[in-house]
């Protein structure tokens, strides 16, 4: 851009949310050699990705950019379980049983990634940025468990939960000269991650 230039708000937003679940509920009769209950596994995780990128090109000669931002938010739940779901009392058919001759494997493996990138070119001769603010939020819960109401016969019960959350907020390629003012550079990254096996 060149000449007289004004930009009030430039803010791309990416939001991803969801639930991935694998389960055998309470009250289920089953006779099997083995049982795998998997919400994601090694090499094939339950993956949630949000990417927001904001790019302001070269600007010059009396410009004003009030806010330039990028916001990426991920919120997800990944759970694998046998029996009643988390926080619920047992139900289903009375006397039901999982009769598994071999192993029961219950696993929840997840990856939550939020990436907010703000890229600017150069600013010159009286150009002002009020705020440069990429924001990334990665919030996840990963659970593997044996719930209430579960009557099991098996040789082995393995319960594994592995959850990873990553938030990245970055500002790239900032080149300023000759009466250029930036009031606030404020990249922010937030992570909330709950992982449980029980």
Protein backbone atom coordinates (compact mmCIF):
# COMPACT_ATOMS: atom_id res chain seq x y z
CA UNK A 1 0.00 0.00 0.00
CA UNK A 2 1.12 3.60 -0.52
CA UNK A 3 -0.26 7.13 -0.20
CA UNK A 4 -2.95 7.86 2.41
CA UNK A 5 -3.88 4.60 4.08
CA UNK A 6 -6.17 3.60 6.96
CA UNK A 7 -6.86 0.13 8.39
CA UNK A 8 -9.12 -0.10 11.44
CA UNK A 9 -9.40 -3.84 12.13
CA UNK A 10 -7.91 -6.82 10.31
CA UNK A 11 -8.52 -10.04 12.26
CA UNK A 12 -8.87 -13.52 10.73
CA UNK A 13 -10.29 -16.07 13.20
CA UNK A 14 -10.01 -19.88 13.06
CA UNK A 15 -12.00 -22.01 15.51
CA UNK A 16 -12.04 -25.82 15.74
CA UNK A 17 -14.00 -27.80 18.31
CA UNK A 18 -15.26 -31.36 18.59
CA UNK A 19 -15.40 -34.70 20.38
CA UNK A 20 -13.80 -38.01 19.44
CA UNK A 21 -15.08 -41.04 21.35
CA UNK A 22 -14.73 -44.83 21.28
CA UNK A 23 -16.65 -46.94 23.76
CA UNK A 24 -18.46 -50.11 24.79
CA UNK A 25 -21.26 -48.97 27.03
CA UNK A 26 -22.56 -50.50 30.23
CA UNK A 27 -25.23 -53.17 29.75
CA UNK A 28 -23.51 -54.71 26.71
CA UNK A 29 -23.08 -58.49 26.48
CA UNK A 30 -19.99 -59.50 24.52
CA UNK A 31 -17.96 -62.66 24.04
CA UNK A 32 -14.71 -62.12 22.13
CA UNK A 33 -11.08 -63.16 21.86
CA UNK A 34 -9.79 -59.62 22.46
CA UNK A 35 -11.13 -56.07 22.55
CA UNK A 36 -9.54 -52.78 21.49
CA UNK A 37 -11.35 -49.52 22.29
CA UNK A 38 -9.33 -46.74 20.68
CA UNK A 39 -9.99 -43.03 20.29
CA UNK A 40 -6.77 -42.34 18.43
CA UNK A 41 -3.64 -44.46 18.58
CA UNK A 42 0.11 -44.12 18.05
CA UNK A 43 0.65 -42.92 14.49
CA UNK A 44 -3.02 -42.00 14.08
CA UNK A 45 -3.93 -39.56 16.84
CA UNK A 46 -7.24 -37.76 17.19
CA UNK A 47 -6.00 -34.40 15.89
CA UNK A 48 -7.51 -30.93 16.11
CA UNK A 49 -5.73 -28.07 14.31
CA UNK A 50 -6.68 -24.38 13.98
CA UNK A 51 -4.46 -21.97 12.05
CA UNK A 52 -5.12 -18.25 11.63
CA UNK A 53 -2.71 -16.10 9.62
CA UNK A 54 -2.85 -12.35 9.14
CA UNK A 55 -0.58 -10.60 6.68
CA UNK A 56 -0.24 -6.89 6.13
CA UNK A 57 1.89 -5.94 3.12
CA UNK A 58 4.28 -3.04 2.70
CA UNK A 59 2.77 0.29 3.69
CA UNK A 60 4.12 3.81 3.39
CA UNK A 61 3.33 7.55 3.46
CA UNK A 62 0.93 8.48 6.27
CA UNK A 63 -0.81 5.23 7.16
CA UNK A 64 -2.71 4.17 10.28
CA UNK A 65 -3.36 0.51 11.20
CA UNK A 66 -5.40 0.44 14.38
CA UNK A 67 -5.47 -3.32 15.00
CA UNK A 68 -3.88 -6.21 13.19
CA UNK A 69 -4.50 -9.59 14.76
CA UNK A 70 -4.94 -13.33 14.18
CA UNK A 71 -6.85 -15.63 16.51
CA UNK A 72 -6.75 -19.46 16.52
CA UNK A 73 -8.75 -21.53 19.03
CA UNK A 74 -8.95 -25.30 19.47
CA UNK A 75 -11.28 -27.00 21.95
CA UNK A 76 -11.57 -30.78 21.91
CA UNK A 77 -12.44 -33.88 23.92
CA UNK A 78 -11.02 -37.31 23.16
CA UNK A 79 -12.16 -40.25 25.23
CA UNK A 80 -12.21 -44.04 25.16
CA UNK A 81 -14.07 -46.07 27.74
CA UNK A 82 -15.89 -49.24 28.71
CA UNK A 83 -18.94 -48.95 30.94
CA UNK A 84 -20.94 -45.86 31.79
CA UNK A 85 -19.66 -42.55 30.41
CA UNK A 86 -17.87 -40.04 32.63
CA UNK A 87 -20.07 -38.67 35.41
CA UNK A 88 -23.05 -40.94 34.70
CA UNK A 89 -24.49 -43.79 36.78
CA UNK A 90 -24.71 -47.31 35.41
CA UNK A 91 -27.62 -48.48 33.31
CA UNK A 92 -28.49 -50.97 30.60
CA UNK A 93 -29.24 -54.66 30.86
CA UNK A 94 -28.79 -56.20 34.31
CA UNK A 95 -26.26 -59.02 34.45
CA UNK A 96 -24.53 -58.01 31.19
CA UNK A 97 -20.90 -59.09 30.92
CA UNK A 98 -17.86 -58.57 28.76
CA UNK A 99 -16.33 -62.05 28.47
CA UNK A 100 -12.99 -61.48 26.71
CA UNK A 101 -10.61 -64.42 26.45
CA UNK A 102 -7.57 -62.20 25.75
CA UNK A 103 -6.69 -58.58 26.50
CA UNK A 104 -8.84 -55.45 26.67
CA UNK A 105 -7.02 -52.30 25.53
CA UNK A 106 -8.61 -48.92 26.17
CA UNK A 107 -6.65 -45.97 24.74
CA UNK A 108 -7.20 -42.28 24.03
CA UNK A 109 -4.43 -40.44 22.19
CA UNK A 110 -4.87 -36.86 20.99
CA UNK A 111 -3.13 -33.77 19.66
CA UNK A 112 -4.53 -30.23 19.94
CA UNK A 113 -2.70 -27.47 18.02
CA UNK A 114 -3.51 -23.75 17.70
CA UNK A 115 -1.27 -21.54 15.57
CA UNK A 116 -1.77 -17.76 15.19
CA UNK A 117 0.69 -15.97 12.91
CA UNK A 118 0.88 -12.26 12.21
CA UNK A 119 3.15 -11.23 9.36
CA UNK A 120 3.86 -7.65 8.37
CA UNK A 121 5.92 -6.08 5.63
CA UNK A 122 7.58 -2.70 6.12
CA UNK A 123 6.12 0.54 7.40
CA UNK A 124 7.55 3.95 6.60
CA UNK A 125 6.96 7.72 6.79
CA UNK A 126 4.32 8.34 9.42
CA UNK A 127 2.80 4.89 9.71
CA UNK A 128 1.22 3.76 13.00
CA UNK A 129 0.19 0.32 14.27
CA UNK A 130 -1.91 0.54 17.44
CA UNK A 131 -1.82 -3.21 18.19
CA UNK A 132 -0.18 -6.29 16.70
CA UNK A 133 -1.76 -9.19 18.56
CA UNK A 134 -1.78 -12.85 17.48
CA UNK A 135 -3.67 -15.05 19.97
CA UNK A 136 -3.58 -18.86 20.12
CA UNK A 137 -5.63 -21.04 22.48
CA UNK A 138 -5.35 -24.84 22.69
CA UNK A 139 -7.73 -26.51 25.15
CA UNK A 140 -8.15 -30.27 25.33
CA UNK A 141 -9.30 -33.15 27.50
CA UNK A 142 -8.12 -36.71 26.91
CA UNK A 143 -9.57 -39.57 28.96
CA UNK A 144 -9.37 -43.36 28.98
CA UNK A 145 -11.27 -45.20 31.67
CA UNK A 146 -13.36 -48.09 32.94
CA UNK A 147 -16.71 -46.61 33.90
CA UNK A 148 -19.44 -47.69 36.28
CA UNK A 149 -21.57 -50.75 35.52
CA UNK A 150 -18.75 -52.79 33.99
CA UNK A 151 -18.62 -56.54 34.64
CA UNK A 152 -15.55 -57.94 32.90
CA UNK A 153 -13.79 -61.25 32.54
CA UNK A 154 -10.42 -60.85 30.83
CA UNK A 155 -6.79 -61.87 31.11
CA UNK A 156 -5.56 -58.25 31.08
CA UNK A 157 -6.95 -54.73 31.12
CA UNK A 158 -4.76 -51.86 29.81
CA UNK A 159 -5.95 -48.24 30.08
CA UNK A 160 -3.80 -45.53 28.45
CA UNK A 161 -4.34 -41.79 27.92
CA UNK A 162 -1.89 -39.53 26.11
CA UNK A 163 -2.86 -35.97 25.22
CA UNK A 164 -0.73 -33.16 23.81
CA UNK A 165 -1.74 -29.50 23.50
CA UNK A 166 0.33 -26.80 21.81
CA UNK A 167 -0.38 -23.11 21.24
CA UNK A 168 1.91 -20.84 19.20
CA UNK A 169 1.50 -17.10 18.64
CA UNK A 170 4.14 -15.37 16.52
CA UNK A 171 4.90 -12.06 14.82
CA UNK A 172 7.10 -12.20 11.70
CA UNK A 173 9.00 -9.81 9.42
CA UNK A 174 8.49 -6.48 11.16
CA UNK A 175 10.50 -3.74 9.44
CA UNK A 176 9.91 -0.14 10.52
CA UNK A 177 11.54 3.20 9.68
CA UNK A 178 11.12 7.01 9.68
CA UNK A 179 8.35 8.11 12.07
CA UNK A 180 6.79 4.68 12.46
CA UNK A 181 5.10 3.90 15.76
CA UNK A 182 3.87 0.57 17.21
CA UNK A 183 1.97 1.02 20.45
CA UNK A 184 1.67 -2.64 21.42
CA UNK A 185 3.27 -5.93 20.34
CA UNK A 186 1.31 -8.59 22.16
CA UNK A 187 1.54 -12.24 21.02
CA UNK A 188 -0.42 -14.47 23.41
CA UNK A 189 -0.57 -18.27 23.67
CA UNK A 190 -2.76 -20.20 26.11
CA UNK A 191 -2.83 -23.94 26.78
CA UNK A 192 -5.27 -25.95 28.91
CA UNK A 193 -4.79 -29.71 28.86
CA UNK A 194 -6.40 -32.42 30.98
CA UNK A 195 -5.20 -36.04 30.63
CA UNK A 196 -6.72 -38.86 32.72
CA UNK A 197 -6.59 -42.65 32.81
CA UNK A 198 -8.61 -44.49 35.47
